Amino acid sequence: MKSHTKYITINTKKRYEIINITDAVEEEVKKSGIKEGLCLVNAMHITASVFINDNESGLHKDFLNWLEKLAPYSKEGYNHNLTGEDNGDAHLKRTVMGREVVVAVTGGKLDFGPWEQIFYGEFDGQRPKRILIKIIGE
């Protein structure tokens, strides 16, 4: 069994942002030389997410609007923020959207269903954050 590890860093321009990272992940699968296996992609920060969905800008806006209704930004509205932070909402948003995805690698390519792509969701951005890509297999 072989493995391939890559860390990529993203620094968003906005506090909340959804970024398509499918091409970066596909490039690492190609570099790995692994033909059959699994690819794990996870956010290395507790206020960011990695998830799979459709690459449609209206849907991305819907996600961000829905998350804001569930956990609106507020400097005083969360117990977590009593520690001097202002990102209690971002922790909750990440929990809803998830930490990681695992995608099968078949024939040296990510084995997606129709319309599926990989996204990085940022909920407390404007600073560098890492994403782990780990591919294992033969």
N, C-alpha and C. Protein backbone atom coordinates (compact mmCIF):
# COMPACT_ATOMS: atom_id res chain seq x y z
N MET A 1 0.85 -1.18 0.00
CA MET A 1 0.00 0.00 0.00
C MET A 1 0.89 1.24 0.00
N LYS A 2 0.47 2.22 -0.78
CA LYS A 2 1.18 3.50 -0.85
C LYS A 2 0.32 4.58 -0.20
N SER A 3 0.99 5.67 0.17
CA SER A 3 0.25 6.84 0.64
C SER A 3 0.91 8.10 0.09
N HIS A 4 0.10 9.14 0.00
CA HIS A 4 0.56 10.45 -0.49
C HIS A 4 -0.11 11.51 0.37
N THR A 5 0.66 12.45 0.87
CA THR A 5 0.14 13.51 1.74
C THR A 5 0.50 14.86 1.17
N LYS A 6 -0.47 15.77 1.18
CA LYS A 6 -0.24 17.14 0.74
C LYS A 6 -1.04 18.07 1.65
N TYR A 7 -0.42 19.16 2.07
CA TYR A 7 -1.11 20.21 2.81
C TYR A 7 -1.21 21.41 1.89
N ILE A 8 -2.40 21.95 1.77
CA ILE A 8 -2.54 23.20 1.01
C ILE A 8 -3.05 24.27 1.98
N THR A 9 -2.68 25.51 1.71
CA THR A 9 -3.08 26.62 2.56
C THR A 9 -4.00 27.55 1.78
N ILE A 10 -5.07 27.95 2.43
CA ILE A 10 -6.03 28.89 1.85
C ILE A 10 -6.15 30.08 2.79
N ASN A 11 -6.15 31.27 2.22
CA ASN A 11 -6.37 32.51 2.97
C ASN A 11 -7.47 33.28 2.24
N THR A 12 -8.68 33.22 2.77
CA THR A 12 -9.82 33.83 2.08
C THR A 12 -9.82 35.34 2.22
N LYS A 13 -10.46 35.98 1.28
CA LYS A 13 -10.60 37.44 1.30
C LYS A 13 -11.74 37.87 2.22
N LYS A 14 -12.70 36.95 2.44
CA LYS A 14 -13.88 37.27 3.22
C LYS A 14 -13.93 36.39 4.48
N ARG A 15 -14.73 36.79 5.44
CA ARG A 15 -14.93 36.00 6.66
C ARG A 15 -15.60 34.67 6.32
N TYR A 16 -16.62 34.70 5.44
CA TYR A 16 -17.33 33.50 5.02
C TYR A 16 -17.10 33.32 3.52
N GLU A 17 -16.71 32.11 3.14
CA GLU A 17 -16.46 31.87 1.73
C GLU A 17 -16.51 30.37 1.45
N ILE A 18 -16.97 30.02 0.27
CA ILE A 18 -16.96 28.63 -0.19
C ILE A 18 -16.08 28.58 -1.44
N ILE A 19 -15.09 27.68 -1.42
CA ILE A 19 -14.10 27.60 -2.50
C ILE A 19 -14.07 26.18 -3.04
N ASN A 20 -14.14 26.04 -4.35
CA ASN A 20 -14.04 24.74 -5.00
C ASN A 20 -12.57 24.31 -5.00
N ILE A 21 -12.27 23.19 -4.35
CA ILE A 21 -10.89 22.69 -4.29
C ILE A 21 -10.73 21.38 -5.07
N THR A 22 -11.70 21.03 -5.88
CA THR A 22 -11.67 19.76 -6.61
C THR A 22 -10.42 19.63 -7.47
N ASP A 23 -10.06 20.67 -8.22
CA ASP A 23 -8.89 20.58 -9.10
C ASP A 23 -7.61 20.31 -8.31
N ALA A 24 -7.46 20.96 -7.16
CA ALA A 24 -6.26 20.75 -6.33
C ALA A 24 -6.21 19.31 -5.82
N VAL A 25 -7.35 18.77 -5.43
CA VAL A 25 -7.39 17.39 -4.94
C VAL A 25 -7.11 16.41 -6.08
N GLU A 26 -7.72 16.65 -7.24
CA GLU A 26 -7.48 15.78 -8.40
C GLU A 26 -6.01 15.78 -8.79
N GLU A 27 -5.36 16.92 -8.70
CA GLU A 27 -3.93 17.02 -9.02
C GLU A 27 -3.11 16.15 -8.07
N GLU A 28 -3.46 16.13 -6.80
CA GLU A 28 -2.73 15.31 -5.84
C GLU A 28 -2.97 13.82 -6.07
N VAL A 29 -4.19 13.45 -6.46
CA VAL A 29 -4.46 12.05 -6.81
C VAL A 29 -3.57 11.64 -7.97
N LYS A 30 -3.48 12.50 -8.95
CA LYS A 30 -2.62 12.22 -10.11
C LYS A 30 -1.16 12.06 -9.69
N LYS A 31 -0.66 13.00 -8.87
CA LYS A 31 0.72 12.95 -8.40
C LYS A 31 1.00 11.70 -7.58
N SER A 32 0.00 11.21 -6.86
CA SER A 32 0.19 10.06 -5.97
C SER A 32 0.50 8.78 -6.73
N GLY A 33 0.01 8.68 -7.93
CA GLY A 33 0.17 7.45 -8.70
C GLY A 33 -0.73 6.32 -8.24
N ILE A 34 -1.58 6.59 -7.28
CA ILE A 34 -2.49 5.57 -6.75
C ILE A 34 -3.67 5.41 -7.70
N LYS A 35 -3.93 4.16 -8.07
CA LYS A 35 -5.00 3.86 -9.02
C LYS A 35 -6.29 3.41 -8.33
N GLU A 36 -6.14 2.72 -7.19
CA GLU A 36 -7.30 2.22 -6.45
C GLU A 36 -7.07 2.50 -4.98
N GLY A 37 -7.99 3.24 -4.36
CA GLY A 37 -7.82 3.55 -2.95
C GLY A 37 -8.84 4.56 -2.46
N LEU A 38 -8.42 5.34 -1.49
CA LEU A 38 -9.28 6.35 -0.88
C LEU A 38 -8.53 7.67 -0.76
N CYS A 39 -9.27 8.75 -0.87
CA CYS A 39 -8.73 10.09 -0.72
C CYS A 39 -9.49 10.80 0.39
N LEU A 40 -8.77 11.18 1.43
CA LEU A 40 -9.33 11.94 2.54
C LEU A 40 -8.95 13.41 2.35
N VAL A 41 -9.91 14.28 2.52
CA VAL A 41 -9.65 15.72 2.47
C VAL A 41 -10.29 16.32 3.71
N ASN A 42 -9.48 16.98 4.56
CA ASN A 42 -10.10 17.58 5.74
C ASN A 42 -9.50 18.94 6.09
N ALA A 43 -10.39 19.75 6.65
CA ALA A 43 -10.00 21.07 7.13
C ALA A 43 -9.23 20.88 8.43
N MET A 44 -8.10 21.56 8.56
CA MET A 44 -7.25 21.42 9.74
C MET A 44 -7.54 22.50 10.78
N HIS A 45 -8.68 23.15 10.64
CA HIS A 45 -9.06 24.23 11.56
C HIS A 45 -10.51 24.04 11.98
N ILE A 46 -10.82 24.39 13.21
CA ILE A 46 -12.14 24.11 13.78
C ILE A 46 -13.21 25.14 13.40
N THR A 47 -12.85 26.07 12.54
CA THR A 47 -13.84 27.03 12.04
C THR A 47 -13.94 26.96 10.52
N ALA A 48 -13.54 25.83 9.94
CA ALA A 48 -13.61 25.62 8.50
C ALA A 48 -14.11 24.21 8.23
N SER A 49 -14.58 23.99 7.02
CA SER A 49 -15.22 22.73 6.66
C SER A 49 -14.75 22.26 5.29
N VAL A 50 -14.86 20.97 5.05
CA VAL A 50 -14.71 20.41 3.71
C VAL A 50 -15.96 19.56 3.48
N PHE A 51 -16.60 19.75 2.33
CA PHE A 51 -17.83 19.02 2.03
C PHE A 51 -17.95 18.80 0.53
N ILE A 52 -18.86 17.92 0.16
CA ILE A 52 -19.13 17.61 -1.25
C ILE A 52 -20.53 18.10 -1.59
N ASN A 53 -20.63 18.78 -2.73
CA ASN A 53 -21.93 19.18 -3.23
C ASN A 53 -21.79 19.65 -4.66
N ASP A 54 -22.80 20.32 -5.15
CA ASP A 54 -22.87 20.82 -6.53
C ASP A 54 -22.14 22.16 -6.63
N ASN A 55 -21.47 22.39 -7.75
CA ASN A 55 -20.77 23.66 -7.98
C ASN A 55 -21.73 24.66 -8.61
N GLU A 56 -22.63 25.19 -7.80
CA GLU A 56 -23.63 26.13 -8.28
C GLU A 56 -23.65 27.32 -7.32
N SER A 57 -23.36 28.51 -7.83
CA SER A 57 -23.17 29.69 -6.97
C SER A 57 -24.41 30.03 -6.15
N GLY A 58 -25.60 29.83 -6.70
CA GLY A 58 -26.82 30.10 -5.94
C GLY A 58 -26.93 29.18 -4.74
N LEU A 59 -26.56 27.93 -4.92
CA LEU A 59 -26.57 26.97 -3.83
C LEU A 59 -25.57 27.37 -2.75
N HIS A 60 -24.39 27.85 -3.16
CA HIS A 60 -23.39 28.28 -2.18
C HIS A 60 -23.90 29.46 -1.37
N LYS A 61 -24.58 30.38 -2.01
CA LYS A 61 -25.19 31.51 -1.28
C LYS A 61 -26.27 30.99 -0.33
N ASP A 62 -27.04 30.00 -0.79
CA ASP A 62 -28.07 29.40 0.08
C ASP A 62 -27.44 28.78 1.33
N PHE A 63 -26.32 28.05 1.15
CA PHE A 63 -25.63 27.47 2.30
C PHE A 63 -25.25 28.56 3.30
N LEU A 64 -24.59 29.61 2.80
CA LEU A 64 -24.11 30.67 3.69
C LEU A 64 -25.27 31.39 4.37
N ASN A 65 -26.35 31.66 3.65
CA ASN A 65 -27.53 32.31 4.24
C ASN A 65 -28.18 31.42 5.29
N TRP A 66 -28.31 30.13 5.00
CA TRP A 66 -28.92 29.17 5.92
C TRP A 66 -28.08 29.06 7.19
N LEU A 67 -26.76 28.95 7.02
CA LEU A 67 -25.88 28.86 8.19
C LEU A 67 -25.95 30.12 9.05
N GLU A 68 -26.07 31.26 8.40
CA GLU A 68 -26.16 32.52 9.15
C GLU A 68 -27.45 32.57 9.97
N LYS A 69 -28.53 31.98 9.44
CA LYS A 69 -29.78 31.93 10.20
C LYS A 69 -29.65 30.96 11.38
N LEU A 70 -28.96 29.85 11.18
CA LEU A 70 -28.77 28.88 12.25
C LEU A 70 -27.86 29.40 13.36
N ALA A 71 -26.77 30.07 12.95
CA ALA A 71 -25.77 30.55 13.91
C ALA A 71 -25.28 31.92 13.45
N PRO A 72 -26.07 32.97 13.72
CA PRO A 72 -25.69 34.30 13.25
C PRO A 72 -24.43 34.82 13.94
N TYR A 73 -23.66 35.59 13.19
CA TYR A 73 -22.46 36.21 13.76
C TYR A 73 -22.88 37.19 14.86
N SER A 74 -22.18 37.12 15.97
CA SER A 74 -22.41 38.04 17.08
C SER A 74 -21.19 38.01 17.98
N LYS A 75 -20.68 39.18 18.33
CA LYS A 75 -19.52 39.23 19.22
C LYS A 75 -19.87 38.82 20.65
N GLU A 76 -21.13 39.05 21.05
CA GLU A 76 -21.54 38.74 22.42
C GLU A 76 -22.49 37.56 22.53
N GLY A 77 -22.94 37.00 21.45
CA GLY A 77 -24.03 36.03 21.48
C GLY A 77 -23.68 34.60 21.81
N TYR A 78 -22.41 34.30 22.09
CA TYR A 78 -22.00 32.92 22.33
C TYR A 78 -21.12 32.84 23.57
N ASN A 79 -21.31 31.79 24.37
CA ASN A 79 -20.47 31.59 25.55
C ASN A 79 -19.00 31.50 25.19
N HIS A 80 -18.70 30.88 24.04
CA HIS A 80 -17.31 30.77 23.57
C HIS A 80 -16.66 32.15 23.46
N ASN A 81 -17.44 33.13 23.08
CA ASN A 81 -16.88 34.46 22.87
C ASN A 81 -16.52 35.17 24.17
N LEU A 82 -16.94 34.62 25.30
CA LEU A 82 -16.57 35.19 26.59
C LEU A 82 -15.07 35.03 26.85
N THR A 83 -14.39 34.19 26.06
CA THR A 83 -12.95 33.98 26.21
C THR A 83 -12.15 35.03 25.45
N GLY A 84 -12.83 35.98 24.81
CA GLY A 84 -12.15 37.01 24.03
C GLY A 84 -12.20 36.76 22.53
N GLU A 85 -12.76 35.64 22.14
CA GLU A 85 -12.93 35.33 20.72
C GLU A 85 -14.21 35.99 20.20
N ASP A 86 -14.36 35.99 18.87
CA ASP A 86 -15.61 36.48 18.28
C ASP A 86 -16.12 35.49 17.23
N ASN A 87 -15.76 34.20 17.37
CA ASN A 87 -16.08 33.25 16.32
C ASN A 87 -16.89 32.05 16.78
N GLY A 88 -17.66 32.22 17.83
CA GLY A 88 -18.52 31.12 18.29
C GLY A 88 -19.41 30.61 17.19
N ASP A 89 -19.93 31.51 16.37
CA ASP A 89 -20.78 31.09 15.25
C ASP A 89 -20.03 30.20 14.27
N ALA A 90 -18.76 30.49 14.02
CA ALA A 90 -17.97 29.73 13.05
C ALA A 90 -17.78 28.28 13.50
N HIS A 91 -17.62 28.06 14.80
CA HIS A 91 -17.49 26.70 15.32
C HIS A 91 -18.77 25.90 15.06
N LEU A 92 -19.91 26.54 15.26
CA LEU A 92 -21.19 25.87 15.04
C LEU A 92 -21.42 25.60 13.55
N LYS A 93 -21.08 26.56 12.71
CA LYS A 93 -21.24 26.39 11.26
C LYS A 93 -20.39 25.23 10.75
N ARG A 94 -19.17 25.12 11.24
CA ARG A 94 -18.29 24.02 10.85
C ARG A 94 -18.90 22.68 11.26
N THR A 95 -19.47 22.62 12.46
CA THR A 95 -20.06 21.38 12.93
C THR A 95 -21.19 20.92 12.02
N VAL A 96 -22.00 21.86 11.56
CA VAL A 96 -23.11 21.54 10.65
C VAL A 96 -22.59 21.06 9.29
N MET A 97 -21.57 21.71 8.76
CA MET A 97 -21.09 21.40 7.41
C MET A 97 -20.09 20.25 7.37
N GLY A 98 -19.50 19.91 8.49
CA GLY A 98 -18.61 18.75 8.54
C GLY A 98 -17.15 19.10 8.43
N ARG A 99 -16.33 18.16 8.85
CA ARG A 99 -14.88 18.34 8.91
C ARG A 99 -14.18 17.85 7.67
N GLU A 100 -14.63 16.69 7.10
CA GLU A 100 -13.88 16.07 6.03
C GLU A 100 -14.78 15.31 5.07
N VAL A 101 -14.15 14.91 3.96
CA VAL A 101 -14.79 14.01 3.00
C VAL A 101 -13.80 12.90 2.67
N VAL A 102 -14.35 11.75 2.31
CA VAL A 102 -13.56 10.63 1.81
C VAL A 102 -14.17 10.26 0.46
N VAL A 103 -13.32 10.19 -0.57
CA VAL A 103 -13.78 9.86 -1.92
C VAL A 103 -12.98 8.66 -2.41
N ALA A 104 -13.67 7.70 -3.01
CA ALA A 104 -12.99 6.56 -3.61
C ALA A 104 -12.13 7.02 -4.78
N VAL A 105 -10.98 6.37 -4.93
CA VAL A 105 -10.14 6.56 -6.10
C VAL A 105 -10.26 5.28 -6.93
N THR A 106 -10.73 5.44 -8.16
CA THR A 106 -10.94 4.31 -9.07
C THR A 106 -10.29 4.64 -10.40
N GLY A 107 -9.41 3.78 -10.85
CA GLY A 107 -8.73 4.03 -12.11
C GLY A 107 -7.89 5.29 -12.09
N GLY A 108 -7.37 5.64 -10.92
CA GLY A 108 -6.52 6.82 -10.78
C GLY A 108 -7.26 8.14 -10.75
N LYS A 109 -8.59 8.11 -10.58
CA LYS A 109 -9.39 9.34 -10.56
C LYS A 109 -10.38 9.31 -9.39
N LEU A 110 -10.76 10.48 -8.94
CA LEU A 110 -11.80 10.57 -7.92
C LEU A 110 -13.09 10.01 -8.50
N ASP A 111 -13.75 9.15 -7.75
CA ASP A 111 -14.94 8.45 -8.22
C ASP A 111 -16.19 9.15 -7.68
N PHE A 112 -16.58 10.22 -8.36
CA PHE A 112 -17.72 11.05 -7.96
C PHE A 112 -19.02 10.58 -8.58
N GLY A 113 -20.13 10.95 -7.92
CA GLY A 113 -21.43 10.85 -8.53
C GLY A 113 -21.65 12.08 -9.40
N PRO A 114 -22.77 12.11 -10.13
CA PRO A 114 -23.05 13.28 -10.99
C PRO A 114 -23.05 14.58 -10.18
N TRP A 115 -22.38 15.57 -10.69
CA TRP A 115 -22.33 16.93 -10.16
C TRP A 115 -21.50 17.09 -8.90
N GLU A 116 -21.00 16.01 -8.31
CA GLU A 116 -20.25 16.13 -7.06
C GLU A 116 -18.89 16.77 -7.27
N GLN A 117 -18.57 17.70 -6.38
CA GLN A 117 -17.26 18.33 -6.33
C GLN A 117 -16.94 18.60 -4.86
N ILE A 118 -15.66 18.90 -4.60
CA ILE A 118 -15.20 19.10 -3.21
C ILE A 118 -15.04 20.60 -2.95
N PHE A 119 -15.55 21.03 -1.80
CA PHE A 119 -15.51 22.44 -1.43
C PHE A 119 -14.91 22.64 -0.05
N TYR A 120 -14.23 23.77 0.09
CA TYR A 120 -13.73 24.25 1.37
C TYR A 120 -14.68 25.35 1.82
N GLY A 121 -15.23 25.20 3.01
CA GLY A 121 -16.11 26.22 3.57
C GLY A 121 -15.39 26.96 4.68
N GLU A 122 -15.26 28.25 4.53
CA GLU A 122 -14.58 29.09 5.53
C GLU A 122 -15.62 29.90 6.29
N PHE A 123 -15.54 29.88 7.62
CA PHE A 123 -16.52 30.57 8.45
C PHE A 123 -15.89 31.57 9.42
N ASP A 124 -14.57 31.71 9.37
CA ASP A 124 -13.83 32.68 10.19
C ASP A 124 -12.52 32.99 9.47
N GLY A 125 -12.65 33.53 8.29
CA GLY A 125 -11.52 33.64 7.38
C GLY A 125 -10.64 34.86 7.52
N GLN A 126 -9.95 35.13 6.44
CA GLN A 126 -9.01 36.23 6.29
C GLN A 126 -7.71 35.98 7.06
N ARG A 127 -7.33 34.69 7.12
CA ARG A 127 -6.04 34.29 7.68
C ARG A 127 -5.71 32.91 7.12
N PRO A 128 -4.44 32.56 7.05
CA PRO A 128 -4.06 31.28 6.45
C PRO A 128 -4.58 30.08 7.24
N LYS A 129 -5.14 29.11 6.51
CA LYS A 129 -5.62 27.86 7.12
C LYS A 129 -5.24 26.70 6.21
N ARG A 130 -4.96 25.55 6.84
CA ARG A 130 -4.48 24.39 6.08
C ARG A 130 -5.60 23.38 5.83
N ILE A 131 -5.43 22.67 4.71
CA ILE A 131 -6.27 21.55 4.34
C ILE A 131 -5.35 20.36 4.12
N LEU A 132 -5.71 19.21 4.66
CA LEU A 132 -4.95 17.98 4.46
C LEU A 132 -5.58 17.16 3.34
N ILE A 133 -4.75 16.70 2.43
CA ILE A 133 -5.15 15.74 1.41
C ILE A 133 -4.30 14.49 1.63
N LYS A 134 -4.93 13.36 1.93
CA LYS A 134 -4.23 12.10 2.18
C LYS A 134 -4.84 11.04 1.28
N ILE A 135 -4.00 10.45 0.43
CA ILE A 135 -4.45 9.43 -0.50
C ILE A 135 -3.73 8.13 -0.14
N ILE A 136 -4.51 7.06 0.02
CA ILE A 136 -3.91 5.76 0.31
C ILE A 136 -4.48 4.73 -0.65
N GLY A 137 -3.66 3.75 -1.00
CA GLY A 137 -4.10 2.68 -1.88
C GLY A 137 -2.97 2.08 -2.67
N GLU A 138 -3.32 1.46 -3.76
CA GLU A 138 -2.35 0.79 -4.63
C GLU A 138 -2.33 1.44 -6.00
